[in-house]
């Protein structure tokens, strides 16, 4: 998918609103900035990736136990407990 936001020139004589209309994109998508993943989740994902490479047959309960040993409390739905 092409990101048309790169085609918008903020300092142009044509307003951002008009440029968005011409490109048929929402203005909100032009201003949107991704927050990214929080550091705690990134660390948990890194640990889980490493663990599953070492023990490919590990299941959800084993993964949760491993995280608890590292003092990371996560529910099965990947939200903090």
Protein backbone atom coordinates (compact mmCIF):
# COMPACT_ATOMS: atom_id res chain seq x y z
CA UNK A 1 0.00 0.00 0.00
CA UNK A 2 1.30 3.43 -0.93
CA UNK A 3 1.62 6.04 1.83
CA UNK A 4 0.23 9.16 0.19
CA UNK A 5 1.07 11.25 3.27
CA UNK A 6 4.62 11.72 1.95
CA UNK A 7 3.17 13.60 -1.04
CA UNK A 8 1.67 16.33 1.12
CA UNK A 9 3.75 19.48 1.36
CA UNK A 10 2.95 21.43 4.56
CA UNK A 11 4.46 24.70 3.25
CA UNK A 12 2.67 24.61 -0.09
CA UNK A 13 0.31 27.33 -1.36
CA UNK A 14 -2.36 24.60 -1.45
CA UNK A 15 -3.74 23.94 2.02
CA UNK A 16 -3.25 20.61 3.75
CA UNK A 17 -7.03 20.14 3.68
CA UNK A 18 -7.11 20.54 -0.12
CA UNK A 19 -4.09 18.30 -0.63
CA UNK A 20 -5.74 15.59 1.45
CA UNK A 21 -8.94 15.93 -0.55
CA UNK A 22 -7.02 15.66 -3.83
CA UNK A 23 -5.21 12.54 -2.61
CA UNK A 24 -8.46 11.18 -1.12
CA UNK A 25 -7.02 10.64 2.36
CA UNK A 26 -8.37 11.75 5.73
CA UNK A 27 -6.63 14.69 7.33
CA UNK A 28 -6.48 12.76 10.58
CA UNK A 29 -4.31 10.11 8.91
CA UNK A 30 -1.91 12.85 7.79
CA UNK A 31 -1.47 14.05 11.39
CA UNK A 32 -1.43 10.57 12.96
CA UNK A 33 1.81 9.52 14.68
CA UNK A 34 2.15 5.97 15.94
CA UNK A 35 2.87 5.65 19.66
CA UNK A 36 4.78 2.44 19.23
CA UNK A 37 4.97 -0.38 21.75
CA UNK A 38 5.76 0.33 25.38
CA UNK A 39 9.17 -0.84 26.71
CA UNK A 40 7.67 -3.44 29.08
CA UNK A 41 5.86 -5.19 26.25
CA UNK A 42 8.98 -5.08 24.07
CA UNK A 43 11.03 -6.72 26.82
CA UNK A 44 8.36 -9.40 27.38
CA UNK A 45 8.22 -10.12 23.63
CA UNK A 46 12.02 -10.36 23.47
CA UNK A 47 12.05 -12.84 26.37
CA UNK A 48 9.25 -14.90 24.83
CA UNK A 49 11.00 -15.00 21.45
CA UNK A 50 14.22 -16.19 23.07
CA UNK A 51 12.38 -18.76 25.20
CA UNK A 52 10.40 -20.23 22.29
CA UNK A 53 13.62 -20.58 20.25
CA UNK A 54 15.17 -22.54 23.15
CA UNK A 55 12.03 -24.59 23.87
CA UNK A 56 9.86 -24.80 20.72
CA UNK A 57 7.25 -27.01 22.42
CA UNK A 58 6.59 -24.54 25.26
CA UNK A 59 2.94 -23.68 25.68
CA UNK A 60 1.05 -20.80 27.20
CA UNK A 61 1.39 -22.02 30.79
CA UNK A 62 5.14 -22.59 30.42
CA UNK A 63 5.55 -19.15 28.85
CA UNK A 64 3.54 -17.49 31.63
CA UNK A 65 5.64 -19.29 34.26
CA UNK A 66 8.86 -18.17 32.58
CA UNK A 67 7.66 -14.54 32.58
CA UNK A 68 6.64 -14.77 36.25
CA UNK A 69 10.13 -16.04 37.09
CA UNK A 70 11.45 -12.86 35.45
CA UNK A 71 8.94 -10.86 37.55
CA UNK A 72 6.81 -9.93 34.54
CA UNK A 73 3.11 -10.46 35.24
CA UNK A 74 1.10 -10.77 32.05
CA UNK A 75 -2.26 -12.39 31.46
CA UNK A 76 -2.93 -14.87 28.67
CA UNK A 77 -4.42 -12.02 26.60
CA UNK A 78 -1.06 -10.18 26.81
CA UNK A 79 -2.34 -7.46 29.08
CA UNK A 80 -0.82 -6.63 32.41
CA UNK A 81 -2.40 -8.43 35.36
